[in-house]
C-alpha atoms as a PDB file:
ATOM      1  CA  UNK A   1      -5.382 -11.864 -26.385  1.00  0.00           C
ATOM      2  CA  UNK A   2      -6.997  -9.567 -23.728  1.00  0.00           C
ATOM      3  CA  UNK A   3      -5.164  -9.157 -20.280  1.00  0.00           C
ATOM      4  CA  UNK A   4      -7.224  -7.891 -17.627  1.00  0.00           C
ATOM      5  CA  UNK A   5      -6.268  -4.803 -15.781  1.00  0.00           C
ATOM      6  CA  UNK A   6      -6.101  -4.855 -12.006  1.00  0.00           C
ATOM      7  CA  UNK A   7      -9.283  -3.027 -10.438  1.00  0.00           C
ATOM      8  CA  UNK A   8      -8.607  -0.267  -8.268  1.00  0.00           C
ATOM      9  CA  UNK A   9     -10.727   0.043  -5.151  1.00  0.00           C
ATOM     10  CA  UNK A  10     -10.974   3.269  -3.035  1.00  0.00           C
ATOM     11  CA  UNK A  11     -10.116   3.295   0.620  1.00  0.00           C
ATOM     12  CA  UNK A  12     -14.058   3.452   1.671  1.00  0.00           C
ATOM     13  CA  UNK A  13     -14.817   0.501  -0.542  1.00  0.00           C
ATOM     14  CA  UNK A  14     -12.243  -1.591   0.837  1.00  0.00           C
ATOM     15  CA  UNK A  15     -12.925  -0.552   4.565  1.00  0.00           C
ATOM     16  CA  UNK A  16     -16.876  -1.364   4.174  1.00  0.00           C
ATOM     17  CA  UNK A  17     -15.941  -4.657   2.484  1.00  0.00           C
ATOM     18  CA  UNK A  18     -13.542  -5.635   5.563  1.00  0.00           C
ATOM     19  CA  UNK A  19     -16.194  -4.312   8.066  1.00  0.00           C
ATOM     20  CA  UNK A  20     -18.963  -6.448   6.339  1.00  0.00           C
ATOM     21  CA  UNK A  21     -16.473  -9.554   6.566  1.00  0.00           C
ATOM     22  CA  UNK A  22     -16.152  -9.039  10.219  1.00  0.00           C
ATOM     23  CA  UNK A  23     -19.638  -8.783  10.738  1.00  0.00           C
ATOM     24  CA  UNK A  24     -20.267 -12.349   9.408  1.00  0.00           C
ATOM     25  CA  UNK A  25     -20.839 -11.948   6.092  1.00  0.00           C
ATOM     26  CA  UNK A  26     -19.177 -14.743   3.747  1.00  0.00           C
ATOM     27  CA  UNK A  27     -16.130 -13.968   1.612  1.00  0.00           C
ATOM     28  CA  UNK A  28     -17.604 -15.756  -1.343  1.00  0.00           C
ATOM     29  CA  UNK A  29     -21.014 -13.486  -1.106  1.00  0.00           C
ATOM     30  CA  UNK A  30     -19.266 -10.486  -0.887  1.00  0.00           C
ATOM     31  CA  UNK A  31     -16.597 -11.188  -3.399  1.00  0.00           C
ATOM     32  CA  UNK A  32     -19.643 -12.090  -5.847  1.00  0.00           C
ATOM     33  CA  UNK A  33     -21.432  -8.926  -5.104  1.00  0.00           C
ATOM     34  CA  UNK A  34     -18.461  -6.468  -5.689  1.00  0.00           C
ATOM     35  CA  UNK A  35     -17.039  -8.581  -8.663  1.00  0.00           C
ATOM     36  CA  UNK A  36     -13.935  -9.297  -7.136  1.00  0.00           C
ATOM     37  CA  UNK A  37     -11.654 -11.489  -9.119  1.00  0.00           C
ATOM     38  CA  UNK A  38     -11.268 -13.864  -6.249  1.00  0.00           C
ATOM     39  CA  UNK A  39     -12.158 -13.943  -2.525  1.00  0.00           C
ATOM     40  CA  UNK A  40      -8.242 -13.854  -1.810  1.00  0.00           C
ATOM     41  CA  UNK A  41      -8.529 -10.231  -2.505  1.00  0.00           C
ATOM     42  CA  UNK A  42     -10.801  -9.937   0.339  1.00  0.00           C
ATOM     43  CA  UNK A  43      -8.542 -12.191   2.490  1.00  0.00           C
ATOM     44  CA  UNK A  44      -5.792  -9.913   2.060  1.00  0.00           C
ATOM     45  CA  UNK A  45      -7.527  -6.538   2.751  1.00  0.00           C
ATOM     46  CA  UNK A  46      -8.644  -8.209   5.956  1.00  0.00           C
ATOM     47  CA  UNK A  47      -4.967  -9.521   7.034  1.00  0.00           C
ATOM     48  CA  UNK A  48      -3.979  -5.782   6.337  1.00  0.00           C
ATOM     49  CA  UNK A  49      -6.608  -4.643   8.475  1.00  0.00           C
ATOM     50  CA  UNK A  50      -5.860  -6.680  11.486  1.00  0.00           C
ATOM     51  CA  UNK A  51      -1.898  -5.991  11.327  1.00  0.00           C
ATOM     52  CA  UNK A  52      -1.813  -2.710  10.185  1.00  0.00           C
ATOM     53  CA  UNK A  53      -5.317  -1.127  11.132  1.00  0.00           C
ATOM     54  CA  UNK A  54      -7.205   1.385   9.174  1.00  0.00           C
ATOM     55  CA  UNK A  55      -4.443   3.249   7.746  1.00  0.00           C
ATOM     56  CA  UNK A  56      -3.061  -0.185   5.980  1.00  0.00           C
ATOM     57  CA  UNK A  57      -5.913   0.317   3.770  1.00  0.00           C
ATOM     58  CA  UNK A  58      -5.142   3.815   2.380  1.00  0.00           C
ATOM     59  CA  UNK A  59      -3.371   4.008  -0.906  1.00  0.00           C
ATOM     60  CA  UNK A  60       0.179   4.666  -0.870  1.00  0.00           C
ATOM     61  CA  UNK A  61       2.223   6.941  -2.806  1.00  0.00           C
ATOM     62  CA  UNK A  62       4.029   5.389  -5.832  1.00  0.00           C
ATOM     63  CA  UNK A  63       7.565   5.901  -6.757  1.00  0.00           C
ATOM     64  CA  UNK A  64      10.693   6.600  -4.696  1.00  0.00           C
ATOM     65  CA  UNK A  65       9.993   9.504  -2.073  1.00  0.00           C
ATOM     66  CA  UNK A  66      11.863  12.497  -2.889  1.00  0.00           C
ATOM     67  CA  UNK A  67      15.118  13.675  -1.149  1.00  0.00           C
ATOM     68  CA  UNK A  68      14.951  16.506   1.183  1.00  0.00           C
ATOM     69  CA  UNK A  69      16.650  19.580  -0.081  1.00  0.00           C
ATOM     70  CA  UNK A  70      17.476  20.868   3.251  1.00  0.00           C
ATOM     71  CA  UNK A  71      19.047  17.743   4.455  1.00  0.00           C
ATOM     72  CA  UNK A  72      23.018  17.968   4.315  1.00  0.00           C
ATOM     73  CA  UNK A  73      24.558  15.520   2.081  1.00  0.00           C
ATOM     74  CA  UNK A  74      26.956  13.211   3.553  1.00  0.00           C
ATOM     75  CA  UNK A  75      30.536  14.137   3.008  1.00  0.00           C
ATOM     76  CA  UNK A  76      32.676  11.717   1.007  1.00  0.00           C
ATOM     77  CA  UNK A  77      36.212  10.437   2.128  1.00  0.00           C
ATOM     78  CA  UNK A  78      37.634  12.055  -0.961  1.00  0.00           C
ATOM     79  CA  UNK A  79      36.098  15.511   0.011  1.00  0.00           C
ATOM     80  CA  UNK A  80      37.486  14.910   3.486  1.00  0.00           C
ATOM     81  CA  UNK A  81      41.112  14.319   2.072  1.00  0.00           C
ATOM     82  CA  UNK A  82      40.743  17.274  -0.047  1.00  0.00           C
ATOM     83  CA  UNK A  83      39.973  19.501   2.879  1.00  0.00           C
ATOM     84  CA  UNK A  84      42.778  18.125   4.977  1.00  0.00           C
ATOM     85  CA  UNK A  85      45.244  19.037   2.187  1.00  0.00           C
ATOM     86  CA  UNK A  86      43.990  22.536   1.774  1.00  0.00           C
END
């Protein structure tokens, strides 16, 4: 059994598709032309574009953000008690 892998679309392609939809082309024609799995993909891009603007369509970095090495770590209650005893 073969599982389809999700396609990755660039920021430029997403923006172009959303602008074509907003100019009046139908979801079905755009989805068929690009080979999208469903017109729902286009609907999601349009919803993101309307709520977050152009930057919402940009790819986001994956994973957890790195910790800032210059940020002081919070002092635990145990460390505070140790300092008091010293």
